[in-house]
Amino acid sequence: MKASSMIRALGAVALLSTVAASARAQASAVPASATPWAALPAGTYKLDIQLPERPLPATVVVRDSSGAPAATFEPEGDPAQPVKITIKGTELTLNGEAPKGPFEIVLLRAGNDITGRWTYGGDNGKLTGKAVQDSKQ
């Protein structure tokens, strides 16, 4: 086998190994205990968003809007704002706009426990929280 053929073969093996490792890492990011979200997960979710400087408490409210989910996001000290909500299996994703640009929050649920991640303005991190009963439903 020529040296150039061997180098291409080793490069292909390295690339496949990297792709497989990345796929395993993404699959392991979803806890085995994560519960699929309902098509309309109406309720109130209290979150603690882990910012670099301190945790930021926030509230997410999901309600029924003519048979489709609608949501608001309210970080402590700021007014509630409408956010786009997408539900795909075990992930509930919220997208909104803030002063530094768009943000995304992904929530995973296991019973009443919430875990997840966020991205905003080039930063990212984790969050935890709880589902609480909404007295307005």
Protein backbone atom coordinates (compact mmCIF):
# COMPACT_ATOMS: atom_id res chain seq x y z
CA MET A 1 0.00 0.00 0.00
CA LYS A 2 1.37 3.41 -0.97
CA ALA A 3 2.02 5.95 1.77
CA SER A 4 -0.58 8.38 0.35
CA SER A 5 -3.25 5.63 0.31
CA MET A 6 -2.39 4.73 3.91
CA ILE A 7 -2.63 8.38 5.00
CA ARG A 8 -6.07 8.74 3.33
CA ALA A 9 -7.25 5.51 5.00
CA LEU A 10 -6.04 6.66 8.42
CA GLY A 11 -7.65 10.07 7.86
CA ALA A 12 -10.97 8.41 7.01
CA VAL A 13 -10.79 6.23 10.13
CA ALA A 14 -10.00 9.28 12.29
CA LEU A 15 -12.92 11.22 10.78
CA LEU A 16 -15.37 8.35 11.36
CA SER A 17 -14.14 7.97 14.95
CA THR A 18 -14.65 11.69 15.60
CA VAL A 19 -18.18 11.65 14.12
CA ALA A 20 -19.11 8.56 16.18
CA ALA A 21 -17.74 10.12 19.39
CA SER A 22 -19.69 13.32 18.70
CA ALA A 23 -22.90 11.34 18.12
CA ARG A 24 -22.40 9.43 21.39
CA ALA A 25 -21.80 12.71 23.28
CA GLN A 26 -24.99 14.24 21.87
CA ALA A 27 -27.02 11.15 22.68
CA SER A 28 -25.72 11.13 26.25
CA ALA A 29 -26.72 14.81 26.68
CA VAL A 30 -30.36 13.67 27.01
CA PRO A 31 -30.86 11.94 30.37
CA ALA A 32 -32.22 8.41 30.14
CA SER A 33 -35.02 9.47 32.50
CA ALA A 34 -36.18 12.36 30.28
CA THR A 35 -39.93 12.25 29.65
CA PRO A 36 -41.38 13.24 26.26
CA TRP A 37 -43.28 16.52 26.47
CA ALA A 38 -47.02 16.62 25.86
CA ALA A 39 -48.11 18.31 22.63
CA LEU A 40 -49.51 21.09 24.83
CA PRO A 41 -47.47 21.17 28.09
CA ALA A 42 -49.52 23.92 29.72
CA GLY A 43 -48.16 24.94 33.10
CA THR A 44 -45.69 27.07 34.98
CA TYR A 45 -41.99 26.18 35.14
CA LYS A 46 -39.68 27.80 37.68
CA LEU A 47 -36.07 27.84 36.46
CA ASP A 48 -32.63 28.62 37.90
CA ILE A 49 -30.46 29.61 34.96
CA GLN A 50 -26.78 29.16 35.83
CA LEU A 51 -25.09 32.38 34.62
CA PRO A 52 -21.32 32.81 35.04
CA GLU A 53 -21.79 35.41 37.80
CA ARG A 54 -24.86 34.01 39.59
CA PRO A 55 -28.01 31.92 39.16
CA LEU A 56 -30.88 33.81 37.51
CA PRO A 57 -34.37 32.76 38.60
CA ALA A 58 -36.91 32.82 35.78
CA THR A 59 -40.46 31.67 35.10
CA VAL A 60 -41.79 30.09 31.92
CA VAL A 61 -45.55 29.89 31.45
CA VAL A 62 -46.98 27.69 28.70
CA ARG A 63 -50.66 28.04 27.87
CA ASP A 64 -53.17 26.92 25.27
CA SER A 65 -53.65 29.40 22.44
CA SER A 66 -56.43 28.02 20.23
CA GLY A 67 -55.09 24.49 20.53
CA ALA A 68 -51.42 25.41 20.05
CA PRO A 69 -48.85 26.06 22.78
CA ALA A 70 -47.87 29.67 23.51
CA ALA A 71 -45.24 30.66 26.04
CA THR A 72 -43.82 33.59 27.98
CA PHE A 73 -40.39 33.88 29.59
CA GLU A 74 -39.90 36.10 32.63
CA PRO A 75 -36.40 36.45 34.09
CA GLU A 76 -36.36 37.81 37.65
CA GLY A 77 -36.55 41.61 37.59
CA ASP A 78 -37.80 41.84 33.99
CA PRO A 79 -41.31 41.75 32.52
CA ALA A 80 -42.63 38.59 30.88
CA GLN A 81 -42.07 38.43 27.14
CA PRO A 82 -43.58 36.12 24.53
CA VAL A 83 -41.24 33.44 23.17
CA LYS A 84 -41.51 30.92 20.37
CA ILE A 85 -42.04 27.38 21.66
CA THR A 86 -41.12 24.16 19.86
CA ILE A 87 -41.67 20.66 21.23
CA LYS A 88 -39.73 17.72 19.84
CA GLY A 89 -39.79 14.51 21.85
CA THR A 90 -37.97 15.09 25.15
CA GLU A 91 -36.97 18.69 24.32
CA LEU A 92 -39.04 21.83 24.78
CA THR A 93 -37.23 24.72 23.10
CA LEU A 94 -37.90 28.41 23.71
CA ASN A 95 -36.52 31.10 21.39
CA GLY A 96 -36.70 34.81 22.06
CA GLU A 97 -35.00 38.17 21.65
CA ALA A 98 -33.09 40.13 24.30
CA PRO A 99 -30.78 43.18 24.30
CA LYS A 100 -27.68 41.17 23.23
CA GLY A 101 -29.60 39.30 20.52
CA PRO A 102 -31.48 36.02 20.25
CA PHE A 103 -31.55 33.44 23.02
CA GLU A 104 -32.47 29.78 23.17
CA ILE A 105 -33.52 27.69 26.16
CA VAL A 106 -33.90 23.92 25.89
CA LEU A 107 -35.80 22.15 28.68
CA LEU A 108 -35.81 18.44 29.50
CA ARG A 109 -38.29 17.01 31.98
CA ALA A 110 -38.23 13.99 34.29
CA GLY A 111 -41.43 14.11 36.37
CA ASN A 112 -41.52 17.60 37.90
CA ASP A 113 -37.74 18.07 37.64
CA ILE A 114 -36.40 20.23 34.83
CA THR A 115 -32.86 20.30 33.46
CA GLY A 116 -31.59 21.99 30.35
CA ARG A 117 -29.27 24.38 28.64
CA TRP A 118 -29.27 27.94 27.34
CA THR A 119 -27.40 30.04 24.77
CA TYR A 120 -27.37 33.85 24.57
CA GLY A 121 -24.99 36.45 23.17
CA GLY A 122 -22.18 33.95 22.62
CA ASP A 123 -22.53 32.47 26.12
CA ASN A 124 -24.07 29.17 27.12
CA GLY A 125 -24.73 27.17 30.25
CA LYS A 126 -27.03 24.86 32.14
CA LEU A 127 -30.21 25.30 34.09
CA THR A 128 -32.38 23.42 36.54
CA GLY A 129 -35.94 23.88 37.68
CA LYS A 130 -39.33 22.49 38.65
CA ALA A 131 -42.73 22.22 37.06
CA VAL A 132 -45.32 23.82 39.33
CA GLN A 133 -49.10 23.79 39.13
CA ASP A 134 -50.61 26.83 37.47
CA SER A 135 -53.69 27.94 39.43
CA LYS A 136 -55.14 29.62 36.30
CA GLN A 137 -55.66 26.33 34.44
